[in-house]
Amino acid sequence: MIKGPRLWKRAKKLIPGGSQLFSKRAELFLPELWPSYYMKAKGVFIWDLDGNKFIDMSYMGIGACVLGYADPDVNRAVKKAISLGSMSTLNCPEEVELAELLLKLNRWAGMVRY
């Protein structure tokens, strides 16, 4: 048996439904062959645990985000944030910057909460 389905069977014994999301359950697709787990994702491509390469065309935001996986600009920004300390009990200035951008895009909204 290939690695993904084998790991899926283990997960179902430990995690209700085998996944945190209903939409990620292999039973919705092709249980014995569905690549439930990945080892790498870049752009629109995703590689399963056996090294098979797929174009991720999943549905409803469960697949690749708009920028694709591992976008270089996003990766750089994340690495910079981590190097500066990514967790604190204080607020970070990016919260205000993001709120301003979101309100600029959604003028109907009076405030932002996330």
PDB file of N, CA and C in Angstrom:
ATOM      1  N   MET A   1       0.855  -1.182   0.000  1.00  0.00           N
ATOM      2  CA  MET A   1       0.000   0.000   0.000  1.00  0.00           C
ATOM      3  C   MET A   1       0.897   1.241   0.000  1.00  0.00           C
ATOM      4  N   ILE A   2       0.489   2.267  -0.729  1.00  0.00           N
ATOM      5  CA  ILE A   2       1.276   3.491  -0.778  1.00  0.00           C
ATOM      6  C   ILE A   2       1.161   4.261   0.532  1.00  0.00           C
ATOM      7  N   LYS A   3       2.110   5.181   0.782  1.00  0.00           N
ATOM      8  CA  LYS A   3       2.250   5.830   2.090  1.00  0.00           C
ATOM      9  C   LYS A   3       1.031   6.633   2.533  1.00  0.00           C
ATOM     10  N   GLY A   4       0.429   7.424   1.637  1.00  0.00           N
ATOM     11  CA  GLY A   4      -0.706   8.266   2.021  1.00  0.00           C
ATOM     12  C   GLY A   4      -1.879   7.485   2.589  1.00  0.00           C
ATOM     13  N   PRO A   5      -2.407   6.511   1.855  1.00  0.00           N
ATOM     14  CA  PRO A   5      -3.520   5.719   2.388  1.00  0.00           C
ATOM     15  C   PRO A   5      -3.158   4.951   3.662  1.00  0.00           C
ATOM     16  N   ARG A   6      -1.911   4.520   3.766  1.00  0.00           N
ATOM     17  CA  ARG A   6      -1.479   3.812   4.977  1.00  0.00           C
ATOM     18  C   ARG A   6      -1.522   4.766   6.184  1.00  0.00           C
ATOM     19  N   LEU A   7      -1.046   5.991   5.997  1.00  0.00           N
ATOM     20  CA  LEU A   7      -1.085   6.987   7.066  1.00  0.00           C
ATOM     21  C   LEU A   7      -2.526   7.389   7.371  1.00  0.00           C
ATOM     22  N   TRP A   8      -3.365   7.456   6.335  1.00  0.00           N
ATOM     23  CA  TRP A   8      -4.784   7.789   6.514  1.00  0.00           C
ATOM     24  C   TRP A   8      -5.462   6.772   7.434  1.00  0.00           C
ATOM     25  N   LYS A   9      -5.158   5.489   7.235  1.00  0.00           N
ATOM     26  CA  LYS A   9      -5.754   4.448   8.086  1.00  0.00           C
ATOM     27  C   LYS A   9      -5.312   4.617   9.536  1.00  0.00           C
ATOM     28  N   ARG A  10      -4.056   4.998   9.748  1.00  0.00           N
ATOM     29  CA  ARG A  10      -3.577   5.267  11.117  1.00  0.00           C
ATOM     30  C   ARG A  10      -4.303   6.465  11.708  1.00  0.00           C
ATOM     31  N   ALA A  11      -4.458   7.511  10.905  1.00  0.00           N
ATOM     32  CA  ALA A  11      -5.103   8.745  11.378  1.00  0.00           C
ATOM     33  C   ALA A  11      -6.532   8.497  11.823  1.00  0.00           C
ATOM     34  N   LYS A  12      -7.252   7.651  11.099  1.00  0.00           N
ATOM     35  CA  LYS A  12      -8.656   7.389  11.428  1.00  0.00           C
ATOM     36  C   LYS A  12      -8.817   6.729  12.795  1.00  0.00           C
ATOM     37  N   LYS A  13      -7.755   6.087  13.285  1.00  0.00           N
ATOM     38  CA  LYS A  13      -7.803   5.480  14.619  1.00  0.00           C
ATOM     39  C   LYS A  13      -7.522   6.505  15.715  1.00  0.00           C
ATOM     40  N   LEU A  14      -6.967   7.653  15.329  1.00  0.00           N
ATOM     41  CA  LEU A  14      -6.537   8.657  16.299  1.00  0.00           C
ATOM     42  C   LEU A  14      -7.324   9.960  16.239  1.00  0.00           C
ATOM     43  N   ILE A  15      -7.818  10.303  15.045  1.00  0.00           N
ATOM     44  CA  ILE A  15      -8.505  11.577  14.808  1.00  0.00           C
ATOM     45  C   ILE A  15      -9.905  11.269  14.285  1.00  0.00           C
ATOM     46  N   PRO A  16     -10.952  11.781  14.912  1.00  0.00           N
ATOM     47  CA  PRO A  16     -12.307  11.515  14.413  1.00  0.00           C
ATOM     48  C   PRO A  16     -12.429  11.880  12.929  1.00  0.00           C
ATOM     49  N   GLY A  17     -12.837  10.923  12.125  1.00  0.00           N
ATOM     50  CA  GLY A  17     -12.952  11.150  10.690  1.00  0.00           C
ATOM     51  C   GLY A  17     -11.625  11.143   9.963  1.00  0.00           C
ATOM     52  N   GLY A  18     -10.526  11.034  10.703  1.00  0.00           N
ATOM     53  CA  GLY A  18      -9.202  10.987  10.090  1.00  0.00           C
ATOM     54  C   GLY A  18      -8.609  12.338   9.754  1.00  0.00           C
ATOM     55  N   SER A  19      -9.394  13.403   9.924  1.00  0.00           N
ATOM     56  CA  SER A  19      -8.942  14.739   9.539  1.00  0.00           C
ATOM     57  C   SER A  19      -9.670  15.788  10.363  1.00  0.00           C
ATOM     58  N   GLN A  20      -9.089  16.958  10.463  1.00  0.00           N
ATOM     59  CA  GLN A  20      -9.734  18.052  11.181  1.00  0.00           C
ATOM     60  C   GLN A  20     -10.863  18.677  10.364  1.00  0.00           C
ATOM     61  N   LEU A  21     -10.854  18.483   9.062  1.00  0.00           N
ATOM     62  CA  LEU A  21     -11.883  19.052   8.191  1.00  0.00           C
ATOM     63  C   LEU A  21     -12.629  17.953   7.441  1.00  0.00           C
ATOM     64  N   PHE A  22     -13.933  18.058   7.388  1.00  0.00           N
ATOM     65  CA  PHE A  22     -14.745  17.095   6.641  1.00  0.00           C
ATOM     66  C   PHE A  22     -14.310  17.043   5.178  1.00  0.00           C
ATOM     67  N   SER A  23     -14.000  18.203   4.604  1.00  0.00           N
ATOM     68  CA  SER A  23     -13.659  18.280   3.179  1.00  0.00           C
ATOM     69  C   SER A  23     -12.322  17.637   2.840  1.00  0.00           C
ATOM     70  N   LYS A  24     -11.523  17.276   3.828  1.00  0.00           N
ATOM     71  CA  LYS A  24     -10.237  16.634   3.559  1.00  0.00           C
ATOM     72  C   LYS A  24     -10.289  15.119   3.725  1.00  0.00           C
ATOM     73  N   ARG A  25     -11.454  14.574   3.951  1.00  0.00           N
ATOM     74  CA  ARG A  25     -11.573  13.133   4.157  1.00  0.00           C
ATOM     75  C   ARG A  25     -11.452  12.378   2.840  1.00  0.00           C
ATOM     76  N   ALA A  26     -10.570  11.406   2.819  1.00  0.00           N
ATOM     77  CA  ALA A  26     -10.325  10.620   1.610  1.00  0.00           C
ATOM     78  C   ALA A  26     -11.584   9.925   1.110  1.00  0.00           C
ATOM     79  N   GLU A  27     -12.494   9.579   2.032  1.00  0.00           N
ATOM     80  CA  GLU A  27     -13.722   8.882   1.639  1.00  0.00           C
ATOM     81  C   GLU A  27     -14.573   9.703   0.670  1.00  0.00           C
ATOM     82  N   LEU A  28     -14.377  11.007   0.643  1.00  0.00           N
ATOM     83  CA  LEU A  28     -15.131  11.857  -0.280  1.00  0.00           C
ATOM     84  C   LEU A  28     -14.624  11.723  -1.705  1.00  0.00           C
ATOM     85  N   PHE A  29     -13.463  11.130  -1.875  1.00  0.00           N
ATOM     86  CA  PHE A  29     -12.831  11.072  -3.181  1.00  0.00           C
ATOM     87  C   PHE A  29     -12.562   9.621  -3.576  1.00  0.00           C
ATOM     88  N   LEU A  30     -11.334   9.195  -3.483  1.00  0.00           N
ATOM     89  CA  LEU A  30     -10.945   7.837  -3.857  1.00  0.00           C
ATOM     90  C   LEU A  30     -10.076   7.287  -2.722  1.00  0.00           C
ATOM     91  N   PRO A  31     -10.697   6.730  -1.677  1.00  0.00           N
ATOM     92  CA  PRO A  31     -10.000   6.402  -0.428  1.00  0.00           C
ATOM     93  C   PRO A  31      -8.698   5.618  -0.559  1.00  0.00           C
ATOM     94  N   GLU A  32      -8.645   4.657  -1.440  1.00  0.00           N
ATOM     95  CA  GLU A  32      -7.447   3.820  -1.529  1.00  0.00           C
ATOM     96  C   GLU A  32      -6.303   4.477  -2.291  1.00  0.00           C
ATOM     97  N   LEU A  33      -6.588   5.537  -3.048  1.00  0.00           N
ATOM     98  CA  LEU A  33      -5.542   6.174  -3.849  1.00  0.00           C
ATOM     99  C   LEU A  33      -5.395   7.674  -3.601  1.00  0.00           C
ATOM    100  N   TRP A  34      -6.320   8.274  -2.873  1.00  0.00           N
ATOM    101  CA  TRP A  34      -6.309   9.722  -2.678  1.00  0.00           C
ATOM    102  C   TRP A  34      -5.054  10.162  -1.916  1.00  0.00           C
ATOM    103  N   PRO A  35      -4.331  11.174  -2.423  1.00  0.00           N
ATOM    104  CA  PRO A  35      -3.121  11.645  -1.729  1.00  0.00           C
ATOM    105  C   PRO A  35      -3.481  12.541  -0.542  1.00  0.00           C
ATOM    106  N   SER A  36      -3.891  11.950   0.554  1.00  0.00           N
ATOM    107  CA  SER A  36      -4.369  12.701   1.716  1.00  0.00           C
ATOM    108  C   SER A  36      -3.289  13.551   2.377  1.00  0.00           C
ATOM    109  N   TYR A  37      -2.045  13.183   2.203  1.00  0.00           N
ATOM    110  CA  TYR A  37      -0.940  13.887   2.846  1.00  0.00           C
ATOM    111  C   TYR A  37       0.064  14.331   1.798  1.00  0.00           C
ATOM    112  N   TYR A  38       0.765  15.408   2.117  1.00  0.00           N
ATOM    113  CA  TYR A  38       1.754  15.914   1.175  1.00  0.00           C
ATOM    114  C   TYR A  38       3.108  16.077   1.851  1.00  0.00           C
ATOM    115  N   MET A  39       4.165  16.092   1.030  1.00  0.00           N
ATOM    116  CA  MET A  39       5.502  16.337   1.570  1.00  0.00           C
ATOM    117  C   MET A  39       6.081  17.636   1.054  1.00  0.00           C
ATOM    118  N   LYS A  40       5.501  18.187  -0.031  1.00  0.00           N
ATOM    119  CA  LYS A  40       6.014  19.423  -0.613  1.00  0.00           C
ATOM    120  C   LYS A  40       4.902  20.066  -1.428  1.00  0.00           C
ATOM    121  N   ALA A  41       4.895  21.403  -1.437  1.00  0.00           N
ATOM    122  CA  ALA A  41       3.930  22.135  -2.256  1.00  0.00           C
ATOM    123  C   ALA A  41       4.595  23.416  -2.740  1.00  0.00           C
ATOM    124  N   LYS A  42       4.503  23.681  -4.041  1.00  0.00           N
ATOM    125  CA  LYS A  42       5.129  24.870  -4.630  1.00  0.00           C
ATOM    126  C   LYS A  42       4.290  25.315  -5.814  1.00  0.00           C
ATOM    127  N   GLY A  43       3.910  26.596  -5.823  1.00  0.00           N
ATOM    128  CA  GLY A  43       3.066  27.096  -6.909  1.00  0.00           C
ATOM    129  C   GLY A  43       1.725  26.390  -6.886  1.00  0.00           C
ATOM    130  N   VAL A  44       1.329  25.803  -8.000  1.00  0.00           N
ATOM    131  CA  VAL A  44       0.067  25.054  -8.057  1.00  0.00           C
ATOM    132  C   VAL A  44       0.301  23.550  -7.895  1.00  0.00           C
ATOM    133  N   PHE A  45       1.551  23.153  -7.688  1.00  0.00           N
ATOM    134  CA  PHE A  45       1.883  21.738  -7.610  1.00  0.00           C
ATOM    135  C   PHE A  45       1.993  21.268  -6.165  1.00  0.00           C
ATOM    136  N   ILE A  46       1.665  19.992  -5.991  1.00  0.00           N
ATOM    137  CA  ILE A  46       1.773  19.375  -4.675  1.00  0.00           C
ATOM    138  C   ILE A  46       2.287  17.944  -4.870  1.00  0.00           C
ATOM    139  N   TRP A  47       3.179  17.514  -3.983  1.00  0.00           N
ATOM    140  CA  TRP A  47       3.764  16.187  -4.056  1.00  0.00           C
ATOM    141  C   TRP A  47       3.273  15.371  -2.870  1.00  0.00           C
ATOM    142  N   ASP A  48       2.823  14.148  -3.149  1.00  0.00           N
ATOM    143  CA  ASP A  48       2.355  13.298  -2.052  1.00  0.00           C
ATOM    144  C   ASP A  48       3.543  12.626  -1.370  1.00  0.00           C
ATOM    145  N   LEU A  49       3.265  11.805  -0.375  1.00  0.00           N
ATOM    146  CA  LEU A  49       4.319  11.166   0.409  1.00  0.00           C
ATOM    147  C   LEU A  49       5.152  10.183  -0.396  1.00  0.00           C
ATOM    148  N   ASP A  50       4.651   9.766  -1.558  1.00  0.00           N
ATOM    149  CA  ASP A  50       5.392   8.848  -2.418  1.00  0.00           C
ATOM    150  C   ASP A  50       6.147   9.575  -3.523  1.00  0.00           C
ATOM    151  N   GLY A  51       6.095  10.919  -3.514  1.00  0.00           N
ATOM    152  CA  GLY A  51       6.814  11.702  -4.513  1.00  0.00           C
ATOM    153  C   GLY A  51       6.047  11.949  -5.801  1.00  0.00           C
ATOM    154  N   ASN A  52       4.784  11.544  -5.870  1.00  0.00           N
ATOM    155  CA  ASN A  52       3.971  11.810  -7.056  1.00  0.00           C
ATOM    156  C   ASN A  52       3.594  13.288  -7.092  1.00  0.00           C
ATOM    157  N   LYS A  53       3.710  13.901  -8.268  1.00  0.00           N
ATOM    158  CA  LYS A  53       3.439  15.334  -8.435  1.00  0.00           C
ATOM    159  C   LYS A  53       2.047  15.523  -9.040  1.00  0.00           C
ATOM    160  N   PHE A  54       1.269  16.427  -8.422  1.00  0.00           N
ATOM    161  CA  PHE A  54      -0.090  16.718  -8.878  1.00  0.00           C
ATOM    162  C   PHE A  54      -0.261  18.217  -9.079  1.00  0.00           C
ATOM    163  N   ILE A  55      -1.177  18.592  -9.956  1.00  0.00           N
ATOM    164  CA  ILE A  55      -1.648  19.972 -10.005  1.00  0.00           C
ATOM    165  C   ILE A  55      -2.805  20.033  -9.023  1.00  0.00           C
ATOM    166  N   ASP A  56      -2.704  20.928  -8.043  1.00  0.00           N
ATOM    167  CA  ASP A  56      -3.752  21.013  -7.026  1.00  0.00           C
ATOM    168  C   ASP A  56      -4.933  21.791  -7.584  1.00  0.00           C
ATOM    169  N   MET A  57      -5.987  21.075  -7.887  1.00  0.00           N
ATOM    170  CA  MET A  57      -7.210  21.698  -8.400  1.00  0.00           C
ATOM    171  C   MET A  57      -8.357  21.431  -7.440  1.00  0.00           C
ATOM    172  N   SER A  58      -8.051  21.371  -6.136  1.00  0.00           N
ATOM    173  CA  SER A  58      -9.114  21.142  -5.171  1.00  0.00           C
ATOM    174  C   SER A  58     -10.073  22.313  -5.141  1.00  0.00           C
ATOM    175  N   TYR A  59     -11.115  22.141  -4.413  1.00  0.00           N
ATOM    176  CA  TYR A  59     -12.222  23.090  -4.471  1.00  0.00           C
ATOM    177  C   TYR A  59     -12.409  23.878  -3.183  1.00  0.00           C
ATOM    178  N   MET A  60     -13.091  24.987  -3.292  1.00  0.00           N
ATOM    179  CA  MET A  60     -13.570  25.791  -2.164  1.00  0.00           C
ATOM    180  C   MET A  60     -12.479  26.217  -1.190  1.00  0.00           C
ATOM    181  N   GLY A  61     -11.317  26.616  -1.699  1.00  0.00           N
ATOM    182  CA  GLY A  61     -10.279  27.139  -0.829  1.00  0.00           C
ATOM    183  C   GLY A  61      -9.524  26.099  -0.029  1.00  0.00           C
ATOM    184  N   ILE A  62      -9.803  24.830  -0.255  1.00  0.00           N
ATOM    185  CA  ILE A  62      -9.094  23.792   0.474  1.00  0.00           C
ATOM    186  C   ILE A  62      -7.738  23.543  -0.180  1.00  0.00           C
ATOM    187  N   GLY A  63      -7.601  23.875  -1.435  1.00  0.00           N
ATOM    188  CA  GLY A  63      -6.338  23.675  -2.141  1.00  0.00           C
ATOM    189  C   GLY A  63      -5.429  24.881  -2.060  1.00  0.00           C
ATOM    190  N   ALA A  64      -4.691  25.105  -3.114  1.00  0.00           N
ATOM    191  CA  ALA A  64      -3.716  26.198  -3.163  1.00  0.00           C
ATOM    192  C   ALA A  64      -4.400  27.551  -2.999  1.00  0.00           C
ATOM    193  N   CYS A  65      -3.727  28.453  -2.287  1.00  0.00           N
ATOM    194  CA  CYS A  65      -4.275  29.803  -2.148  1.00  0.00           C
ATOM    195  C   CYS A  65      -4.045  30.566  -3.448  1.00  0.00           C
ATOM    196  N   VAL A  66      -4.533  31.768  -3.529  1.00  0.00           N
ATOM    197  CA  VAL A  66      -4.459  32.571  -4.754  1.00  0.00           C
ATOM    198  C   VAL A  66      -3.022  32.700  -5.254  1.00  0.00           C
ATOM    199  N   LEU A  67      -2.069  32.845  -4.368  1.00  0.00           N
ATOM    200  CA  LEU A  67      -0.670  33.013  -4.761  1.00  0.00           C
ATOM    201  C   LEU A  67       0.031  31.691  -5.031  1.00  0.00           C
ATOM    202  N   GLY A  68      -0.626  30.591  -4.754  1.00  0.00           N
ATOM    203  CA  GLY A  68       0.017  29.294  -4.874  1.00  0.00           C
ATOM    204  C   GLY A  68       0.772  28.972  -3.603  1.00  0.00           C
ATOM    205  N   TYR A  69       1.335  27.798  -3.564  1.00  0.00           N
ATOM    206  CA  TYR A  69       2.099  27.375  -2.395  1.00  0.00           C
ATOM    207  C   TYR A  69       3.515  27.936  -2.469  1.00  0.00           C
ATOM    208  N   ALA A  70       4.086  28.247  -1.316  1.00  0.00           N
ATOM    209  CA  ALA A  70       5.490  28.647  -1.186  1.00  0.00           C
ATOM    210  C   ALA A  70       5.844  29.839  -2.072  1.00  0.00           C
ATOM    211  N   ASP A  71       4.975  30.843  -2.117  1.00  0.00           N
ATOM    212  CA  ASP A  71       5.258  32.055  -2.888  1.00  0.00           C
ATOM    213  C   ASP A  71       6.510  32.724  -2.314  1.00  0.00           C
ATOM    214  N   PRO A  72       7.503  33.056  -3.151  1.00  0.00           N
ATOM    215  CA  PRO A  72       8.762  33.617  -2.647  1.00  0.00           C
ATOM    216  C   PRO A  72       8.584  34.895  -1.822  1.00  0.00           C
ATOM    217  N   ASP A  73       7.710  35.802  -2.242  1.00  0.00           N
ATOM    218  CA  ASP A  73       7.501  37.040  -1.487  1.00  0.00           C
ATOM    219  C   ASP A  73       6.884  36.759  -0.119  1.00  0.00           C
ATOM    220  N   VAL A  74       5.911  35.869  -0.097  1.00  0.00           N
ATOM    221  CA  VAL A  74       5.271  35.504   1.173  1.00  0.00           C
ATOM    222  C   VAL A  74       6.283  34.802   2.078  1.00  0.00           C
ATOM    223  N   ASN A  75       7.065  33.883   1.523  1.00  0.00           N
ATOM    224  CA  ASN A  75       8.074  33.171   2.315  1.00  0.00           C
ATOM    225  C   ASN A  75       9.074  34.139   2.940  1.00  0.00           C
ATOM    226  N   ARG A  76       9.528  35.135   2.148  1.00  0.00           N
ATOM    227  CA  ARG A  76      10.473  36.127   2.675  1.00  0.00           C
ATOM    228  C   ARG A  76       9.865  36.906   3.837  1.00  0.00           C
ATOM    229  N   ALA A  77       8.624  37.345   3.662  1.00  0.00           N
ATOM    230  CA  ALA A  77       7.955  38.116   4.713  1.00  0.00           C
ATOM    231  C   ALA A  77       7.764  37.282   5.978  1.00  0.00           C
ATOM    232  N   VAL A  78       7.402  36.023   5.818  1.00  0.00           N
ATOM    233  CA  VAL A  78       7.208  35.140   6.977  1.00  0.00           C
ATOM    234  C   VAL A  78       8.536  34.910   7.695  1.00  0.00           C
ATOM    235  N   LYS A  79       9.605  34.643   6.931  1.00  0.00           N
ATOM    236  CA  LYS A  79      10.922  34.427   7.545  1.00  0.00           C
ATOM    237  C   LYS A  79      11.376  35.669   8.304  1.00  0.00           C
ATOM    238  N   LYS A  80      11.129  36.847   7.731  1.00  0.00           N
ATOM    239  CA  LYS A  80      11.501  38.092   8.408  1.00  0.00           C
ATOM    240  C   LYS A  80      10.724  38.231   9.719  1.00  0.00           C
ATOM    241  N   ALA A  81       9.418  37.980   9.668  1.00  0.00           N
ATOM    242  CA  ALA A  81       8.590  38.090  10.872  1.00  0.00           C
ATOM    243  C   ALA A  81       9.054  37.114  11.948  1.00  0.00           C
ATOM    244  N   ILE A  82       9.379  35.900  11.556  1.00  0.00           N
ATOM    245  CA  ILE A  82       9.841  34.895  12.518  1.00  0.00           C
ATOM    246  C   ILE A  82      11.162  35.323  13.140  1.00  0.00           C
ATOM    247  N   SER A  83      12.065  35.869  12.327  1.00  0.00           N
ATOM    248  CA  SER A  83      13.374  36.279  12.852  1.00  0.00           C
ATOM    249  C   SER A  83      13.260  37.432  13.848  1.00  0.00           C
ATOM    250  N   LEU A  84      12.175  38.207  13.762  1.00  0.00           N
ATOM    251  CA  LEU A  84      11.962  39.331  14.680  1.00  0.00           C
ATOM    252  C   LEU A  84      11.180  38.923  15.926  1.00  0.00           C
ATOM    253  N   GLY A  85      10.725  37.702  15.936  1.00  0.00           N
ATOM    254  CA  GLY A  85       9.908  37.211  17.054  1.00  0.00           C
ATOM    255  C   GLY A  85       8.457  37.207  16.631  1.00  0.00           C
ATOM    256  N   SER A  86       7.907  36.040  16.460  1.00  0.00           N
ATOM    257  CA  SER A  86       6.562  35.937  15.876  1.00  0.00           C
ATOM    258  C   SER A  86       5.445  35.805  16.899  1.00  0.00           C
ATOM    259  N   MET A  87       5.774  35.829  18.191  1.00  0.00           N
ATOM    260  CA  MET A  87       4.734  35.650  19.195  1.00  0.00           C
ATOM    261  C   MET A  87       5.015  36.569  20.370  1.00  0.00           C
ATOM    262  N   SER A  88       3.992  37.281  20.801  1.00  0.00           N
ATOM    263  CA  SER A  88       4.133  38.183  21.940  1.00  0.00           C
ATOM    264  C   SER A  88       2.759  38.433  22.538  1.00  0.00           C
ATOM    265  N   THR A  89       2.747  38.865  23.787  1.00  0.00           N
ATOM    266  CA  THR A  89       1.474  39.252  24.400  1.00  0.00           C
ATOM    267  C   THR A  89       1.087  40.669  23.991  1.00  0.00           C
ATOM    268  N   LEU A  90       2.006  41.383  23.335  1.00  0.00           N
ATOM    269  CA  LEU A  90       1.720  42.734  22.851  1.00  0.00           C
ATOM    270  C   LEU A  90       1.204  42.679  21.421  1.00  0.00           C
ATOM    271  N   ASN A  91       0.593  43.753  20.980  1.00  0.00           N
ATOM    272  CA  ASN A  91       0.111  43.848  19.601  1.00  0.00           C
ATOM    273  C   ASN A  91       1.268  44.175  18.665  1.00  0.00           C
ATOM    274  N   CYS A  92       1.153  43.733  17.424  1.00  0.00           N
ATOM    275  CA  CYS A  92       2.165  44.079  16.431  1.00  0.00           C
ATOM    276  C   CYS A  92       1.605  45.168  15.513  1.00  0.00           C
ATOM    277  N   PRO A  93       2.462  46.041  14.969  1.00  0.00           N
ATOM    278  CA  PRO A  93       1.990  47.132  14.125  1.00  0.00           C
ATOM    279  C   PRO A  93       1.308  46.644  12.842  1.00  0.00           C
ATOM    280  N   GLU A  94       1.639  45.437  12.399  1.00  0.00           N
ATOM    281  CA  GLU A  94       1.025  44.904  11.175  1.00  0.00           C
ATOM    282  C   GLU A  94      -0.480  44.724  11.320  1.00  0.00           C
ATOM    283  N   GLU A  95      -0.965  44.554  12.553  1.00  0.00           N
ATOM    284  CA  GLU A  95      -2.413  44.445  12.765  1.00  0.00           C
ATOM    285  C   GLU A  95      -3.124  45.701  12.277  1.00  0.00           C
ATOM    286  N   VAL A  96      -2.558  46.860  12.604  1.00  0.00           N
ATOM    287  CA  VAL A  96      -3.156  48.136  12.201  1.00  0.00           C
ATOM    288  C   VAL A  96      -3.017  48.326  10.695  1.00  0.00           C
ATOM    289  N   GLU A  97      -1.835  48.003  10.160  1.00  0.00           N
ATOM    290  CA  GLU A  97      -1.611  48.133   8.716  1.00  0.00           C
ATOM    291  C   GLU A  97      -2.587  47.261   7.932  1.00  0.00           C
ATOM    292  N   LEU A  98      -2.776  46.021   8.374  1.00  0.00           N
ATOM    293  CA  LEU A  98      -3.710  45.122   7.696  1.00  0.00           C
ATOM    294  C   LEU A  98      -5.137  45.634   7.813  1.00  0.00           C
ATOM    295  N   ALA A  99      -5.510  46.124   8.983  1.00  0.00           N
ATOM    296  CA  ALA A  99      -6.861  46.667   9.164  1.00  0.00           C
ATOM    297  C   ALA A  99      -7.107  47.822   8.201  1.00  0.00           C
ATOM    298  N   GLU A 100      -6.123  48.700   8.056  1.00  0.00           N
ATOM    299  CA  GLU A 100      -6.266  49.829   7.124  1.00  0.00           C
ATOM    300  C   GLU A 100      -6.438  49.344   5.687  1.00  0.00           C
ATOM    301  N   LEU A 101      -5.642  48.354   5.297  1.00  0.00           N
ATOM    302  CA  LEU A 101      -5.762  47.807   3.938  1.00  0.00           C
ATOM    303  C   LEU A 101      -7.117  47.146   3.709  1.00  0.00           C
ATOM    304  N   LEU A 102      -7.571  46.372   4.685  1.00  0.00           N
ATOM    305  CA  LEU A 102      -8.866  45.701   4.545  1.00  0.00           C
ATOM    306  C   LEU A 102     -10.010  46.706   4.451  1.00  0.00           C
ATOM    307  N   LEU A 103      -9.949  47.758   5.257  1.00  0.00           N
ATOM    308  CA  LEU A 103     -11.009  48.773   5.214  1.00  0.00           C
ATOM    309  C   LEU A 103     -10.963  49.571   3.921  1.00  0.00           C
ATOM    310  N   LYS A 104      -9.777  49.746   3.376  1.00  0.00           N
ATOM    311  CA  LYS A 104      -9.649  50.430   2.081  1.00  0.00           C
ATOM    312  C   LYS A 104     -10.295  49.593   0.974  1.00  0.00           C
ATOM    313  N   LEU A 105     -10.121  48.283   1.057  1.00  0.00           N
ATOM    314  CA  LEU A 105     -10.707  47.376   0.065  1.00  0.00           C
ATOM    315  C   LEU A 105     -12.207  47.179   0.269  1.00  0.00           C
ATOM    316  N   ASN A 106     -12.651  47.258   1.500  1.00  0.00           N
ATOM    317  CA  ASN A 106     -14.057  47.016   1.848  1.00  0.00           C
ATOM    318  C   ASN A 106     -14.618  48.255   2.535  1.00  0.00           C
ATOM    319  N   ARG A 107     -14.888  49.269   1.753  1.00  0.00           N
ATOM    320  CA  ARG A 107     -15.307  50.566   2.295  1.00  0.00           C
ATOM    321  C   ARG A 107     -16.622  50.490   3.073  1.00  0.00           C
ATOM    322  N   TRP A 108     -17.406  49.472   2.843  1.00  0.00           N
ATOM    323  CA  TRP A 108     -18.676  49.313   3.550  1.00  0.00           C
ATOM    324  C   TRP A 108     -18.467  48.937   5.016  1.00  0.00           C
ATOM    325  N   ALA A 109     -17.291  48.391   5.333  1.00  0.00           N
ATOM    326  CA  ALA A 109     -17.027  47.954   6.710  1.00  0.00           C
ATOM    327  C   ALA A 109     -16.533  49.130   7.548  1.00  0.00           C
ATOM    328  N   GLY A 110     -17.021  49.237   8.749  1.00  0.00           N
ATOM    329  CA  GLY A 110     -16.597  50.320   9.626  1.00  0.00           C
ATOM    330  C   GLY A 110     -15.351  49.987  10.428  1.00  0.00           C
ATOM    331  N   MET A 111     -15.190  48.712  10.757  1.00  0.00           N
ATOM    332  CA  MET A 111     -14.044  48.268  11.547  1.00  0.00           C
ATOM    333  C   MET A 111     -13.660  46.854  11.108  1.00  0.00           C
ATOM    334  N   VAL A 112     -12.551  46.382  11.646  1.00  0.00           N
ATOM    335  CA  VAL A 112     -12.037  45.057  11.296  1.00  0.00           C
ATOM    336  C   VAL A 112     -11.762  44.269  12.574  1.00  0.00           C
ATOM    337  N   ARG A 113     -12.083  43.003  12.530  1.00  0.00           N
ATOM    338  CA  ARG A 113     -11.714  42.109  13.639  1.00  0.00           C
ATOM    339  C   ARG A 113     -11.240  40.796  13.024  1.00  0.00           C
ATOM    340  N   TYR A 114     -10.101  40.308  13.496  1.00  0.00           N
ATOM    341  CA  TYR A 114      -9.558  39.038  13.017  1.00  0.00           C
ATOM    342  C   TYR A 114      -8.711  38.392  14.073  1.00  0.00           C
TER     343      TYR A 114
END
